[in-house]
Amino acid sequence: MATTATPAGGSRNGTGPEWGGFEENIQMWQAGKRQASRAFSLYANIDILRPYFDVEPAQVRSRLLESMIPIKMVNFPQKIAGELYGPLMLVFTLVAILLHGMKTSDTIIREGTLMGTAIGTCFGYWLGVSSFIYFLAYLCNAQITMLQMLALLGYGLFGHCIVLLITYNIHLHALFYLFWLLVGGLSTLRMVAVLVSRTVGPTQRLLLCGTLAALHMLFLLYLHFAYHKVVEGILDTLEGPNIPPMQRVPRDIPAILPAVRLPATVLNTTVKAVEVTLRSH
């Protein structure tokens, strides 16, 4: 009785070496796919950011008012809001106020440079100073996290928004200095008192709170007096002083060989005539 011959290496049953390597590649691809899916779900899931922005409008309003009232009890750590909705909205509000101040001044806005400069200034101060103060707090052994530092400094910008909104519309230096001391000073004292309550040691308190108070008050002076001039200097550097947004100058077409000198001259004359016609219209 004839029997069916089995192929060498068991290739019919998928047990050969080539089948083993193929199955291993499939398993590796599936494992990589699962890891990529988990990573995408981790970064794309909006529920991760929800706790930082899940806040009621009434809570934001009360925290805005509290940011202008310095606390007196510094013997125990004061509570800091662990959300970023209010600080982020205050940063965007400060950007809008800076744009309003530039438009009410004599600054010439060209090619949308003003928006990027205002956003970079406000977000740079918020993120940069928060990171720097958090680093100092770590060195001074203060009990504060990066999220709490962002929230504390963000709500501290409420006083800056009030001062700039008033003084950009009422151009009196005496009024600005008055609001700078009262409103800006109150918001700064609030942040300083919170940091004092979370820091141990007079030297550490002086270093941390003095640095924060100096940066916060000087930033308000910069926004009122020097920001407009800096932006105008940047615009003049990038685009040149008193240059229209679109200015094209006709260029002559060089005649390299003597044989083509006459056609090039005719072509240059035609280009200049078309340019004069377009300018006249």
Protein backbone atom coordinates (compact mmCIF):
# COMPACT_ATOMS: atom_id res chain seq x y z
CA MET A 1 0.00 0.00 0.00
CA ALA A 2 1.45 3.41 -1.07
CA THR A 3 1.98 6.04 1.58
CA THR A 4 2.05 9.79 1.13
CA ALA A 5 5.54 11.15 1.51
CA THR A 6 5.93 13.89 4.06
CA PRO A 7 8.01 16.89 2.88
CA ALA A 8 11.35 17.23 4.55
CA GLY A 9 11.49 19.69 7.44
CA GLY A 10 7.69 19.51 8.13
CA SER A 11 6.84 22.49 5.86
CA ARG A 12 3.32 21.16 5.30
CA ASN A 13 2.43 21.51 9.00
CA GLY A 14 4.11 24.95 9.28
CA THR A 15 6.87 23.69 11.57
CA GLY A 16 9.82 24.45 9.30
CA PRO A 17 12.49 27.02 10.10
CA GLU A 18 11.04 29.54 7.66
CA TRP A 19 7.61 29.29 9.31
CA GLY A 20 9.14 29.71 12.77
CA GLY A 21 10.86 32.95 11.76
CA PHE A 22 7.66 34.27 10.17
CA GLU A 23 5.61 33.59 13.33
CA GLU A 24 8.28 35.29 15.45
CA ASN A 25 8.12 38.40 13.27
CA ILE A 26 4.31 38.45 13.57
CA GLN A 27 4.53 38.24 17.37
CA MET A 28 7.08 41.05 17.51
CA TRP A 29 4.93 43.21 15.25
CA GLN A 30 1.85 42.59 17.39
CA ALA A 31 3.75 43.40 20.58
CA GLY A 32 5.03 46.66 19.07
CA LYS A 33 1.54 47.50 17.90
CA ARG A 34 0.13 46.99 21.39
CA GLN A 35 2.82 49.22 22.93
CA ALA A 36 2.22 51.95 20.34
CA SER A 37 -1.52 51.77 20.98
CA ARG A 38 -1.02 52.12 24.73
CA ALA A 39 1.35 55.08 24.26
CA PHE A 40 -1.08 56.80 21.88
CA SER A 41 -3.98 56.24 24.26
CA LEU A 42 -1.92 57.65 27.12
CA TYR A 43 -1.08 60.91 25.39
CA ALA A 44 -4.30 61.31 23.45
CA ASN A 45 -6.66 60.67 26.34
CA ILE A 46 -8.13 63.98 27.43
CA ASP A 47 -9.04 62.55 30.83
CA ILE A 48 -5.42 63.00 31.90
CA LEU A 49 -5.74 66.80 31.67
CA ARG A 50 -9.27 66.99 33.00
CA PRO A 51 -8.35 67.23 36.73
CA TYR A 52 -6.21 70.31 36.03
CA PHE A 53 -9.04 72.17 34.28
CA ASP A 54 -12.09 70.80 36.11
CA VAL A 55 -13.10 73.87 38.09
CA GLU A 56 -16.30 75.82 38.57
CA PRO A 57 -16.53 79.51 37.58
CA ALA A 58 -17.46 80.42 41.15
CA GLN A 59 -14.21 78.85 42.40
CA VAL A 60 -12.17 80.79 39.83
CA ARG A 61 -13.89 84.02 40.87
CA SER A 62 -13.18 83.41 44.56
CA ARG A 63 -9.54 82.55 43.82
CA LEU A 64 -9.14 85.73 41.81
CA LEU A 65 -10.34 87.75 44.76
CA GLU A 66 -8.18 85.78 47.18
CA SER A 67 -5.11 86.47 45.04
CA MET A 68 -5.40 90.15 46.02
CA ILE A 69 -5.73 89.52 49.77
CA PRO A 70 -2.50 88.74 51.66
CA ILE A 71 -2.81 86.11 54.35
CA LYS A 72 -1.69 86.61 57.94
CA MET A 73 -1.39 83.02 59.14
CA VAL A 74 2.05 81.84 58.04
CA ASN A 75 2.67 79.35 60.84
CA PHE A 76 1.33 76.43 58.80
CA PRO A 77 1.37 75.75 55.04
CA GLN A 78 -1.38 77.58 53.21
CA LYS A 79 -3.46 75.79 50.59
CA ILE A 80 -2.69 76.43 46.91
CA ALA A 81 -5.14 75.68 44.13
CA GLY A 82 -4.05 72.68 42.05
CA GLU A 83 -5.66 73.72 38.77
CA LEU A 84 -4.46 75.54 35.67
CA TYR A 85 -7.68 76.87 34.15
CA GLY A 86 -7.61 80.19 35.98
CA PRO A 87 -3.87 80.84 35.48
CA LEU A 88 -4.06 79.95 31.79
CA MET A 89 -7.00 82.30 31.22
CA LEU A 90 -5.15 85.07 33.04
CA VAL A 91 -2.12 84.62 30.80
CA PHE A 92 -4.31 84.88 27.71
CA THR A 93 -6.01 87.93 29.22
CA LEU A 94 -2.63 89.55 29.75
CA VAL A 95 -1.77 88.83 26.09
CA ALA A 96 -5.00 90.55 25.00
CA ILE A 97 -4.27 93.57 27.23
CA LEU A 98 -0.77 93.90 25.75
CA LEU A 99 -2.23 93.82 22.24
CA HIS A 100 -4.76 96.45 23.24
CA GLY A 101 -2.00 98.64 24.66
CA MET A 102 0.05 98.36 21.48
CA LYS A 103 -2.92 99.25 19.29
CA THR A 104 -3.75 102.33 21.37
CA SER A 105 -0.15 103.51 21.09
CA ASP A 106 1.67 104.68 17.97
CA THR A 107 3.20 101.28 17.23
CA ILE A 108 2.91 100.17 13.59
CA ILE A 109 1.75 96.55 13.37
CA ARG A 110 3.33 94.63 10.50
CA GLU A 111 2.99 91.00 9.43
CA GLY A 112 1.49 89.72 12.66
CA THR A 113 4.72 89.98 14.68
CA LEU A 114 2.88 91.60 17.59
CA MET A 115 0.78 88.55 18.48
CA GLY A 116 3.73 86.19 18.68
CA THR A 117 5.76 88.64 20.75
CA ALA A 118 2.95 89.11 23.28
CA ILE A 119 2.32 85.36 23.61
CA GLY A 120 6.02 84.64 23.95
CA THR A 121 6.47 87.33 26.60
CA CYS A 122 3.53 86.27 28.79
CA PHE A 123 3.98 82.52 28.54
CA GLY A 124 7.75 82.87 28.82
CA TYR A 125 7.39 84.77 32.08
CA TRP A 126 4.78 82.40 33.49
CA LEU A 127 6.61 79.18 32.66
CA GLY A 128 10.15 80.49 33.04
CA VAL A 129 9.74 82.25 36.38
CA SER A 130 7.64 79.37 37.75
CA SER A 131 10.40 76.91 36.86
CA PHE A 132 13.10 79.16 38.34
CA ILE A 133 11.22 79.75 41.61
CA TYR A 134 10.44 76.04 41.84
CA PHE A 135 14.17 75.32 41.48
CA LEU A 136 14.94 77.81 44.26
CA ALA A 137 12.17 76.30 46.39
CA TYR A 138 13.75 72.89 45.91
CA LEU A 139 17.10 74.27 47.07
CA CYS A 140 15.45 76.03 50.02
CA ASN A 141 13.48 72.89 50.95
CA ALA A 142 10.10 74.59 50.48
CA GLN A 143 6.97 72.44 50.40
CA ILE A 144 5.59 73.28 46.96
CA THR A 145 5.16 71.40 43.69
CA MET A 146 5.57 72.63 40.12
CA LEU A 147 1.80 72.55 39.57
CA GLN A 148 1.21 74.64 42.69
CA MET A 149 3.91 77.10 41.61
CA LEU A 150 2.27 77.52 38.20
CA ALA A 151 -1.10 78.12 39.85
CA LEU A 152 0.32 80.55 42.41
CA LEU A 153 2.18 82.69 39.86
CA GLY A 154 -0.67 82.46 37.36
CA TYR A 155 -3.22 83.86 39.78
CA GLY A 156 -0.63 86.46 40.78
CA LEU A 157 -0.93 87.91 37.26
CA PHE A 158 -4.45 89.10 38.08
CA GLY A 159 -3.03 92.25 39.64
CA HIS A 160 -0.92 92.89 36.54
CA CYS A 161 -4.00 92.61 34.32
CA ILE A 162 -5.89 95.17 36.41
CA VAL A 163 -3.00 97.66 36.50
CA LEU A 164 -2.22 97.46 32.78
CA LEU A 165 -5.87 97.57 31.71
CA ILE A 166 -6.38 100.83 33.60
CA THR A 167 -3.08 102.53 32.84
CA TYR A 168 -3.15 101.66 29.11
CA ASN A 169 -6.36 103.69 28.83
CA ILE A 170 -5.48 106.45 31.31
CA HIS A 171 -1.95 107.62 30.52
CA LEU A 172 -0.78 109.06 33.83
CA HIS A 173 2.51 107.95 35.34
CA ALA A 174 1.42 108.92 38.82
CA LEU A 175 -1.67 106.73 38.48
CA PHE A 176 0.44 103.83 37.30
CA TYR A 177 2.84 104.08 40.23
CA LEU A 178 -0.12 104.22 42.61
CA PHE A 179 -1.68 101.07 41.16
CA TRP A 180 1.73 99.44 40.88
CA LEU A 181 2.27 99.81 44.62
CA LEU A 182 -1.28 99.00 45.72
CA VAL A 183 -2.64 96.38 43.31
CA GLY A 184 0.65 94.89 42.21
CA GLY A 185 1.97 94.97 45.75
CA LEU A 186 -1.08 93.17 47.14
CA SER A 187 -0.86 90.33 44.63
CA THR A 188 2.89 90.03 45.29
CA LEU A 189 2.39 89.99 49.05
CA ARG A 190 -0.15 87.21 48.65
CA MET A 191 2.37 85.00 46.83
CA VAL A 192 5.13 85.90 49.27
CA ALA A 193 2.96 85.02 52.28
CA VAL A 194 2.09 81.62 50.78
CA LEU A 195 5.76 80.86 50.14
CA VAL A 196 6.70 82.01 53.64
CA SER A 197 4.18 79.57 55.10
CA ARG A 198 5.76 76.72 53.13
CA THR A 199 9.43 77.55 53.78
CA VAL A 200 11.46 76.92 56.93
CA GLY A 201 14.33 79.20 57.91
CA PRO A 202 14.74 82.99 57.71
CA THR A 203 17.55 82.86 55.13
CA GLN A 204 15.62 80.53 52.84
CA ARG A 205 12.52 82.68 53.15
CA LEU A 206 14.42 85.86 52.36
CA LEU A 207 16.09 84.36 49.29
CA LEU A 208 12.98 82.72 47.86
CA CYS A 209 10.43 85.42 48.61
CA GLY A 210 12.75 88.31 47.75
CA THR A 211 13.52 86.83 44.35
CA LEU A 212 9.85 86.24 43.55
CA ALA A 213 8.79 89.72 44.70
CA ALA A 214 11.54 91.44 42.71
CA LEU A 215 10.80 89.51 39.50
CA HIS A 216 7.05 90.02 39.79
CA MET A 217 7.16 93.76 40.43
CA LEU A 218 9.88 94.41 37.85
CA PHE A 219 7.91 92.49 35.23
CA LEU A 220 4.99 94.87 35.68
CA LEU A 221 7.33 97.85 35.24
CA TYR A 222 8.74 96.25 32.10
CA LEU A 223 5.30 95.68 30.58
CA HIS A 224 4.28 99.29 31.17
CA PHE A 225 7.42 101.20 30.18
CA ALA A 226 9.80 99.04 28.15
CA TYR A 227 7.67 96.43 26.38
CA HIS A 228 6.44 98.75 23.62
CA LYS A 229 9.94 100.02 22.88
CA VAL A 230 11.36 96.50 22.78
CA VAL A 231 8.68 95.36 20.34
CA GLU A 232 9.26 98.39 18.12
CA GLY A 233 12.99 97.64 18.14
CA ILE A 234 12.34 94.03 17.16
CA LEU A 235 10.05 95.11 14.31
CA ASP A 236 12.58 97.63 13.05
CA THR A 237 15.35 95.04 13.22
CA LEU A 238 13.38 92.40 11.35
CA GLU A 239 11.75 94.61 8.72
CA GLY A 240 13.69 97.87 8.71
CA PRO A 241 12.36 101.30 9.78
CA ASN A 242 9.55 102.86 7.76
CA ILE A 243 9.43 100.13 5.09
CA PRO A 244 6.02 99.27 3.64
CA PRO A 245 4.86 95.65 3.98
CA MET A 246 5.14 94.98 0.22
CA GLN A 247 7.72 96.88 -1.79
CA ARG A 248 9.15 95.39 -4.98
CA VAL A 249 11.95 97.01 -6.98
CA PRO A 250 12.34 96.05 -10.65
CA ARG A 251 15.71 94.55 -11.39
CA ASP A 252 17.58 94.84 -14.66
CA ILE A 253 18.26 91.66 -16.58
CA PRO A 254 22.01 91.53 -17.22
CA ALA A 255 23.23 91.09 -20.76
CA ILE A 256 26.11 88.66 -20.54
CA LEU A 257 27.07 88.53 -24.22
CA PRO A 258 27.23 91.48 -26.67
CA ALA A 259 25.01 89.58 -29.10
CA VAL A 260 22.09 89.53 -26.64
CA ARG A 261 22.58 93.09 -25.35
CA LEU A 262 19.87 94.61 -27.56
CA PRO A 263 17.09 92.08 -26.64
CA ALA A 264 17.98 92.45 -22.95
CA THR A 265 17.71 96.25 -23.19
CA VAL A 266 14.31 95.97 -24.83
CA LEU A 267 13.17 93.51 -22.17
CA ASN A 268 14.35 95.79 -19.35
CA THR A 269 12.46 98.72 -20.87
CA THR A 270 9.30 96.58 -21.11
CA VAL A 271 9.57 95.43 -17.49
CA LYS A 272 9.95 99.02 -16.25
CA ALA A 273 6.99 100.18 -18.35
CA VAL A 274 4.79 97.42 -16.88
CA GLU A 275 5.94 98.40 -13.39
CA VAL A 276 5.00 102.06 -13.95
CA THR A 277 1.61 101.04 -15.31
CA LEU A 278 0.85 98.84 -12.30
CA ARG A 279 1.86 101.56 -9.85
CA SER A 280 -0.35 104.09 -11.63
CA HIS A 281 -3.37 101.80 -11.15
